[in-house]
Every structure is written in structure tokens, then in C-alpha cells.
Amino acid sequence: MCILCGEFVTRIHWTEKHAEDRARASIDAGAKDENRRNRRRERTRRAAITNEVLRHYGLKVSDWSGTKYVLRDGKGRSELVRDLGSLWPAAQRLAGRPLDPLDPALHAALREASAISSTANGG
């Protein structure tokens, strides 16, 4: 299959499955538009949460047109990934090392960021 045809064949990743199911279940156009906006909001939220982890490794992800994600490192390299499942292997390639979700330094950085955020929000 050529790359052009491959772009038209989409598989929904499980992280986006519930939003896609709601969109397909909607009958009227107004509900479909609202579901589309909700889907984009959820993707943006997932990217923000993912960035909290990726920041520790010097990486950043952003939504690209509601269909893919762009993963970037601090050196200007980037990679286009289809979904959050394919993001992690790409992140390891760009970081040049394994990304360990159980890394104590990662947990400490996440706790510190949470404490700073809580303090900044008056919590």
C-alpha cells in the first residue's frame, strides 16, 4: 500500500475510541460538530498530560490537525506519530534512551511540578 492510500485507512487508537464512538452515534449535525470539538479538546488535554512526562526527557508533543501528533526534541528534530501508542517508541528514539515510567527521578519531577502548580493556583 502506498503512503497516500495508507493515510486514508485509519485505525482508531483505544485512547480515542470513546470519542469516536460518540461521534458516530450522533445523528444531527449540531451534535456531530460538538463531538468534533470535544474530540479536539480531549486530544489537547491528552497532549498536555503527556507533555508533563515528556518534559523530563526533553521532549514535547502537540496535536497536529486532530489526526496525528508531532513529537519534538530540544535539538529541532521531530517525528509525526499517529497516536499515543506509537508516540512512546518514537519518544525513545528521539531521546536516545529508554523512557521508564517507574523512574524515581521522573516521579520526583512530576511531584515537584504538581507542587509548583498547586502553589501557583493558590492550593
N, C-alpha and C. Protein backbone atom coordinates (compact mmCIF):
# COMPACT_ATOMS: atom_id res chain seq x y z
N MET A 1 0.85 -1.17 0.00
CA MET A 1 0.00 0.00 0.00
C MET A 1 0.90 1.24 0.00
N CYS A 2 0.56 2.20 -0.86
CA CYS A 2 1.36 3.43 -0.90
C CYS A 2 1.01 4.32 0.29
N ILE A 3 1.86 5.30 0.54
CA ILE A 3 1.66 6.17 1.70
C ILE A 3 0.38 6.97 1.59
N LEU A 4 0.01 7.36 0.37
CA LEU A 4 -1.21 8.14 0.19
C LEU A 4 -2.43 7.31 0.58
N CYS A 5 -2.50 6.08 0.10
CA CYS A 5 -3.63 5.23 0.48
C CYS A 5 -3.60 4.93 1.98
N GLY A 6 -2.41 4.74 2.52
CA GLY A 6 -2.28 4.46 3.94
C GLY A 6 -2.81 5.58 4.81
N GLU A 7 -2.74 6.81 4.33
CA GLU A 7 -3.26 7.94 5.09
C GLU A 7 -4.78 7.92 5.17
N PHE A 8 -5.43 7.29 4.20
CA PHE A 8 -6.88 7.26 4.20
C PHE A 8 -7.44 6.08 5.01
N VAL A 9 -6.59 5.13 5.31
CA VAL A 9 -7.00 3.99 6.13
C VAL A 9 -6.63 4.33 7.56
N THR A 10 -7.64 4.57 8.38
CA THR A 10 -7.34 4.96 9.75
C THR A 10 -7.84 3.91 10.72
N ARG A 11 -7.05 3.70 11.73
CA ARG A 11 -7.45 2.84 12.84
C ARG A 11 -7.51 3.74 14.06
N ILE A 12 -8.57 3.64 14.81
CA ILE A 12 -8.74 4.46 16.00
C ILE A 12 -8.02 3.81 17.17
N HIS A 13 -7.11 4.55 17.78
CA HIS A 13 -6.40 4.05 18.96
C HIS A 13 -7.36 4.00 20.14
N TRP A 14 -7.15 3.10 21.06
CA TRP A 14 -8.09 2.93 22.18
C TRP A 14 -8.23 4.21 23.00
N THR A 15 -7.22 5.08 23.04
CA THR A 15 -7.32 6.31 23.83
C THR A 15 -8.33 7.28 23.24
N GLU A 16 -8.69 7.08 21.97
CA GLU A 16 -9.65 7.97 21.32
C GLU A 16 -10.93 7.26 20.93
N LYS A 17 -11.04 6.00 21.28
CA LYS A 17 -12.18 5.19 20.86
C LYS A 17 -13.52 5.73 21.36
N HIS A 18 -13.61 6.12 22.63
CA HIS A 18 -14.90 6.56 23.17
C HIS A 18 -15.37 7.84 22.48
N ALA A 19 -14.47 8.73 22.15
CA ALA A 19 -14.86 9.97 21.45
C ALA A 19 -15.34 9.65 20.04
N GLU A 20 -14.70 8.72 19.39
CA GLU A 20 -15.10 8.34 18.03
C GLU A 20 -16.46 7.65 18.05
N ASP A 21 -16.70 6.80 19.04
CA ASP A 21 -17.99 6.12 19.16
C ASP A 21 -19.13 7.12 19.36
N ARG A 22 -18.90 8.14 20.20
CA ARG A 22 -19.92 9.17 20.42
C ARG A 22 -20.20 9.92 19.14
N ALA A 23 -19.16 10.23 18.38
CA ALA A 23 -19.33 10.99 17.14
C ALA A 23 -20.15 10.19 16.13
N ARG A 24 -19.89 8.92 16.04
CA ARG A 24 -20.63 8.08 15.09
C ARG A 24 -22.08 7.88 15.51
N ALA A 25 -22.33 7.90 16.82
CA ALA A 25 -23.68 7.69 17.33
C ALA A 25 -24.55 8.94 17.16
N SER A 26 -23.95 10.09 16.98
CA SER A 26 -24.70 11.33 16.83
C SER A 26 -25.43 11.35 15.49
N ILE A 27 -26.68 11.78 15.55
CA ILE A 27 -27.48 11.82 14.33
C ILE A 27 -27.51 13.21 13.73
N ASP A 28 -27.76 14.23 14.54
CA ASP A 28 -27.90 15.56 13.96
C ASP A 28 -26.54 16.25 13.81
N ALA A 29 -26.47 17.19 12.88
CA ALA A 29 -25.22 17.86 12.54
C ALA A 29 -24.67 18.65 13.72
N GLY A 30 -25.52 19.28 14.51
CA GLY A 30 -25.07 20.05 15.66
C GLY A 30 -24.33 19.18 16.67
N ALA A 31 -24.86 18.00 16.92
CA ALA A 31 -24.21 17.08 17.86
C ALA A 31 -22.88 16.60 17.30
N LYS A 32 -22.81 16.38 15.98
CA LYS A 32 -21.55 15.94 15.37
C LYS A 32 -20.49 17.02 15.49
N ASP A 33 -20.89 18.29 15.29
CA ASP A 33 -19.94 19.39 15.45
C ASP A 33 -19.45 19.48 16.88
N GLU A 34 -20.35 19.33 17.84
CA GLU A 34 -19.97 19.38 19.25
C GLU A 34 -19.04 18.22 19.60
N ASN A 35 -19.33 17.03 19.07
CA ASN A 35 -18.45 15.88 19.31
C ASN A 35 -17.07 16.11 18.71
N ARG A 36 -17.01 16.74 17.56
CA ARG A 36 -15.72 17.05 16.93
C ARG A 36 -14.91 18.01 17.81
N ARG A 37 -15.59 19.02 18.34
CA ARG A 37 -14.91 19.96 19.24
C ARG A 37 -14.44 19.26 20.52
N ASN A 38 -15.29 18.40 21.06
CA ASN A 38 -14.93 17.66 22.27
C ASN A 38 -13.73 16.75 22.01
N ARG A 39 -13.72 16.10 20.85
CA ARG A 39 -12.61 15.22 20.50
C ARG A 39 -11.31 16.01 20.44
N ARG A 40 -11.35 17.20 19.83
CA ARG A 40 -10.15 18.03 19.74
C ARG A 40 -9.71 18.50 21.13
N ARG A 41 -10.67 18.86 21.98
CA ARG A 41 -10.34 19.27 23.35
C ARG A 41 -9.68 18.12 24.11
N GLU A 42 -10.23 16.92 23.96
CA GLU A 42 -9.67 15.75 24.64
C GLU A 42 -8.26 15.45 24.15
N ARG A 43 -8.03 15.58 22.84
CA ARG A 43 -6.69 15.36 22.29
C ARG A 43 -5.71 16.38 22.87
N THR A 44 -6.14 17.63 22.96
CA THR A 44 -5.28 18.68 23.51
C THR A 44 -4.97 18.38 24.97
N ARG A 45 -5.97 17.92 25.71
CA ARG A 45 -5.77 17.58 27.12
C ARG A 45 -4.80 16.40 27.26
N ARG A 46 -4.98 15.37 26.42
CA ARG A 46 -4.06 14.22 26.47
C ARG A 46 -2.64 14.65 26.15
N ALA A 47 -2.48 15.54 25.19
CA ALA A 47 -1.14 16.04 24.83
C ALA A 47 -0.53 16.79 26.01
N ALA A 48 -1.33 17.59 26.71
CA ALA A 48 -0.81 18.34 27.85
C ALA A 48 -0.35 17.40 28.97
N ILE A 49 -1.13 16.38 29.23
CA ILE A 49 -0.76 15.40 30.27
C ILE A 49 0.49 14.64 29.85
N THR A 50 0.55 14.25 28.58
CA THR A 50 1.71 13.53 28.06
C THR A 50 2.96 14.40 28.15
N ASN A 51 2.80 15.70 27.90
CA ASN A 51 3.93 16.62 27.97
C ASN A 51 4.51 16.71 29.38
N GLU A 52 3.70 16.50 30.40
CA GLU A 52 4.22 16.52 31.76
C GLU A 52 5.28 15.43 31.94
N VAL A 53 5.06 14.28 31.33
CA VAL A 53 6.03 13.18 31.40
C VAL A 53 7.19 13.45 30.45
N LEU A 54 6.88 13.84 29.21
CA LEU A 54 7.93 14.03 28.20
C LEU A 54 8.90 15.14 28.56
N ARG A 55 8.44 16.14 29.29
CA ARG A 55 9.31 17.27 29.69
C ARG A 55 10.55 16.76 30.41
N HIS A 56 10.40 15.73 31.20
CA HIS A 56 11.52 15.15 31.94
C HIS A 56 12.61 14.64 30.99
N TYR A 57 12.22 14.24 29.79
CA TYR A 57 13.16 13.69 28.81
C TYR A 57 13.56 14.71 27.74
N GLY A 58 13.13 15.96 27.91
CA GLY A 58 13.49 17.00 26.95
C GLY A 58 12.69 16.94 25.66
N LEU A 59 11.49 16.40 25.73
CA LEU A 59 10.63 16.24 24.56
C LEU A 59 9.32 16.97 24.75
N LYS A 60 8.62 17.19 23.64
CA LYS A 60 7.32 17.84 23.68
C LYS A 60 6.46 17.29 22.55
N VAL A 61 5.16 17.13 22.82
CA VAL A 61 4.22 16.65 21.81
C VAL A 61 3.11 17.68 21.64
N SER A 62 2.62 17.80 20.41
CA SER A 62 1.47 18.67 20.15
C SER A 62 0.55 17.99 19.14
N ASP A 63 -0.70 18.36 19.21
CA ASP A 63 -1.69 17.83 18.28
C ASP A 63 -1.45 18.42 16.90
N TRP A 64 -1.62 17.62 15.88
CA TRP A 64 -1.44 18.08 14.51
C TRP A 64 -2.74 17.81 13.74
N SER A 65 -3.53 18.83 13.59
CA SER A 65 -4.74 18.76 12.77
C SER A 65 -5.77 17.77 13.28
N GLY A 66 -5.68 17.38 14.53
CA GLY A 66 -6.67 16.47 15.08
C GLY A 66 -6.54 15.04 14.58
N THR A 67 -5.47 14.74 13.85
CA THR A 67 -5.32 13.41 13.28
C THR A 67 -4.05 12.71 13.72
N LYS A 68 -3.02 13.48 14.04
CA LYS A 68 -1.73 12.92 14.43
C LYS A 68 -1.13 13.79 15.52
N TYR A 69 0.02 13.39 15.99
CA TYR A 69 0.77 14.18 16.96
C TYR A 69 2.16 14.45 16.40
N VAL A 70 2.70 15.62 16.74
CA VAL A 70 4.08 15.95 16.38
C VAL A 70 4.90 15.89 17.66
N LEU A 71 5.93 15.06 17.63
CA LEU A 71 6.84 14.90 18.75
C LEU A 71 8.13 15.63 18.42
N ARG A 72 8.59 16.48 19.33
CA ARG A 72 9.79 17.28 19.08
C ARG A 72 10.78 17.14 20.23
N ASP A 73 12.05 17.30 19.88
CA ASP A 73 13.07 17.37 20.93
C ASP A 73 13.67 18.77 20.94
N GLY A 74 14.55 19.03 21.87
CA GLY A 74 15.15 20.35 22.01
C GLY A 74 16.17 20.69 20.93
N LYS A 75 16.54 19.71 20.11
CA LYS A 75 17.53 19.93 19.05
C LYS A 75 16.88 20.26 17.71
N GLY A 76 15.56 20.33 17.70
CA GLY A 76 14.86 20.65 16.47
C GLY A 76 14.40 19.44 15.66
N ARG A 77 14.71 18.26 16.13
CA ARG A 77 14.24 17.06 15.44
C ARG A 77 12.77 16.83 15.78
N SER A 78 12.04 16.26 14.84
CA SER A 78 10.63 15.99 15.10
C SER A 78 10.22 14.70 14.40
N GLU A 79 9.14 14.15 14.88
CA GLU A 79 8.59 12.93 14.29
C GLU A 79 7.08 13.02 14.36
N LEU A 80 6.42 12.63 13.29
CA LEU A 80 4.97 12.60 13.22
C LEU A 80 4.51 11.22 13.64
N VAL A 81 3.61 11.15 14.64
CA VAL A 81 3.12 9.87 15.11
C VAL A 81 1.59 9.84 15.03
N ARG A 82 1.07 8.67 14.76
CA ARG A 82 -0.37 8.51 14.53
C ARG A 82 -1.19 8.63 15.81
N ASP A 83 -0.70 8.05 16.91
CA ASP A 83 -1.49 8.02 18.14
C ASP A 83 -0.56 7.91 19.34
N LEU A 84 -1.13 7.91 20.53
CA LEU A 84 -0.30 7.85 21.74
C LEU A 84 0.42 6.52 21.88
N GLY A 85 -0.13 5.47 21.29
CA GLY A 85 0.54 4.17 21.34
C GLY A 85 1.85 4.17 20.57
N SER A 86 1.89 4.85 19.45
CA SER A 86 3.12 4.90 18.65
C SER A 86 4.03 6.05 19.09
N LEU A 87 3.54 6.89 19.99
CA LEU A 87 4.34 8.00 20.47
C LEU A 87 5.52 7.54 21.32
N TRP A 88 5.33 6.57 22.19
CA TRP A 88 6.37 6.18 23.14
C TRP A 88 7.61 5.59 22.47
N PRO A 89 7.48 4.69 21.50
CA PRO A 89 8.71 4.24 20.81
C PRO A 89 9.43 5.38 20.08
N ALA A 90 8.66 6.29 19.49
CA ALA A 90 9.26 7.45 18.82
C ALA A 90 9.97 8.34 19.83
N ALA A 91 9.38 8.51 21.01
CA ALA A 91 9.99 9.33 22.05
C ALA A 91 11.31 8.72 22.51
N GLN A 92 11.36 7.41 22.61
CA GLN A 92 12.61 6.75 22.99
C GLN A 92 13.68 6.97 21.93
N ARG A 93 13.29 6.92 20.65
CA ARG A 93 14.25 7.17 19.57
C ARG A 93 14.80 8.59 19.65
N LEU A 94 13.90 9.58 19.82
CA LEU A 94 14.35 10.97 19.87
C LEU A 94 15.17 11.26 21.13
N ALA A 95 14.78 10.66 22.24
CA ALA A 95 15.51 10.89 23.50
C ALA A 95 16.84 10.15 23.50
N GLY A 96 16.93 9.09 22.70
CA GLY A 96 18.17 8.31 22.64
C GLY A 96 18.37 7.43 23.86
N ARG A 97 17.30 7.16 24.57
CA ARG A 97 17.37 6.30 25.75
C ARG A 97 15.97 5.78 26.07
N PRO A 98 15.89 4.73 26.87
CA PRO A 98 14.57 4.22 27.26
C PRO A 98 13.83 5.22 28.14
N LEU A 99 12.54 5.28 27.99
CA LEU A 99 11.69 6.10 28.84
C LEU A 99 11.05 5.17 29.86
N ASP A 100 11.43 5.32 31.09
CA ASP A 100 10.97 4.42 32.15
C ASP A 100 9.90 5.11 32.99
N PRO A 101 8.65 4.64 32.92
CA PRO A 101 7.59 5.27 33.71
C PRO A 101 7.75 5.07 35.21
N LEU A 102 8.62 4.16 35.62
CA LEU A 102 8.86 3.92 37.04
C LEU A 102 10.14 4.60 37.54
N ASP A 103 10.76 5.39 36.71
CA ASP A 103 11.99 6.10 37.07
C ASP A 103 11.74 7.02 38.26
N PRO A 104 12.45 6.83 39.38
CA PRO A 104 12.24 7.68 40.56
C PRO A 104 12.48 9.17 40.26
N ALA A 105 13.42 9.49 39.38
CA ALA A 105 13.67 10.89 39.03
C ALA A 105 12.47 11.49 38.30
N LEU A 106 11.82 10.70 37.45
CA LEU A 106 10.60 11.16 36.76
C LEU A 106 9.51 11.43 37.79
N HIS A 107 9.32 10.53 38.72
CA HIS A 107 8.28 10.71 39.75
C HIS A 107 8.54 11.94 40.59
N ALA A 108 9.81 12.16 40.93
CA ALA A 108 10.16 13.34 41.72
C ALA A 108 9.87 14.61 40.92
N ALA A 109 10.20 14.60 39.63
CA ALA A 109 9.95 15.77 38.78
C ALA A 109 8.45 16.03 38.65
N LEU A 110 7.65 14.98 38.51
CA LEU A 110 6.20 15.15 38.42
C LEU A 110 5.61 15.68 39.72
N ARG A 111 6.11 15.18 40.86
CA ARG A 111 5.63 15.67 42.15
C ARG A 111 6.01 17.15 42.32
N GLU A 112 7.22 17.49 41.94
CA GLU A 112 7.67 18.88 42.06
C GLU A 112 6.83 19.81 41.18
N ALA A 113 6.58 19.39 39.94
CA ALA A 113 5.76 20.20 39.03
C ALA A 113 4.34 20.35 39.58
N SER A 114 3.82 19.29 40.17
CA SER A 114 2.47 19.34 40.75
C SER A 114 2.44 20.28 41.94
N ALA A 115 3.47 20.26 42.77
CA ALA A 115 3.53 21.14 43.94
C ALA A 115 3.62 22.59 43.50
N ILE A 116 4.42 22.87 42.49
CA ILE A 116 4.56 24.23 41.98
C ILE A 116 3.24 24.71 41.40
N SER A 117 2.59 23.85 40.64
CA SER A 117 1.30 24.19 40.04
C SER A 117 0.25 24.44 41.12
N SER A 118 0.25 23.61 42.15
CA SER A 118 -0.69 23.76 43.24
C SER A 118 -0.48 25.08 43.99
N THR A 119 0.77 25.43 44.23
CA THR A 119 1.11 26.66 44.91
C THR A 119 0.72 27.86 44.07
N ALA A 120 0.98 27.79 42.77
CA ALA A 120 0.66 28.89 41.86
C ALA A 120 -0.85 29.11 41.74
N ASN A 121 -1.63 28.04 41.92
CA ASN A 121 -3.08 28.13 41.83
C ASN A 121 -3.73 28.40 43.17
N GLY A 122 -2.93 28.69 44.18
CA GLY A 122 -3.49 29.01 45.50
C GLY A 122 -3.86 27.82 46.33
N GLY A 123 -3.34 26.62 45.97
CA GLY A 123 -3.70 25.40 46.68
C GLY A 123 -2.81 25.03 47.73
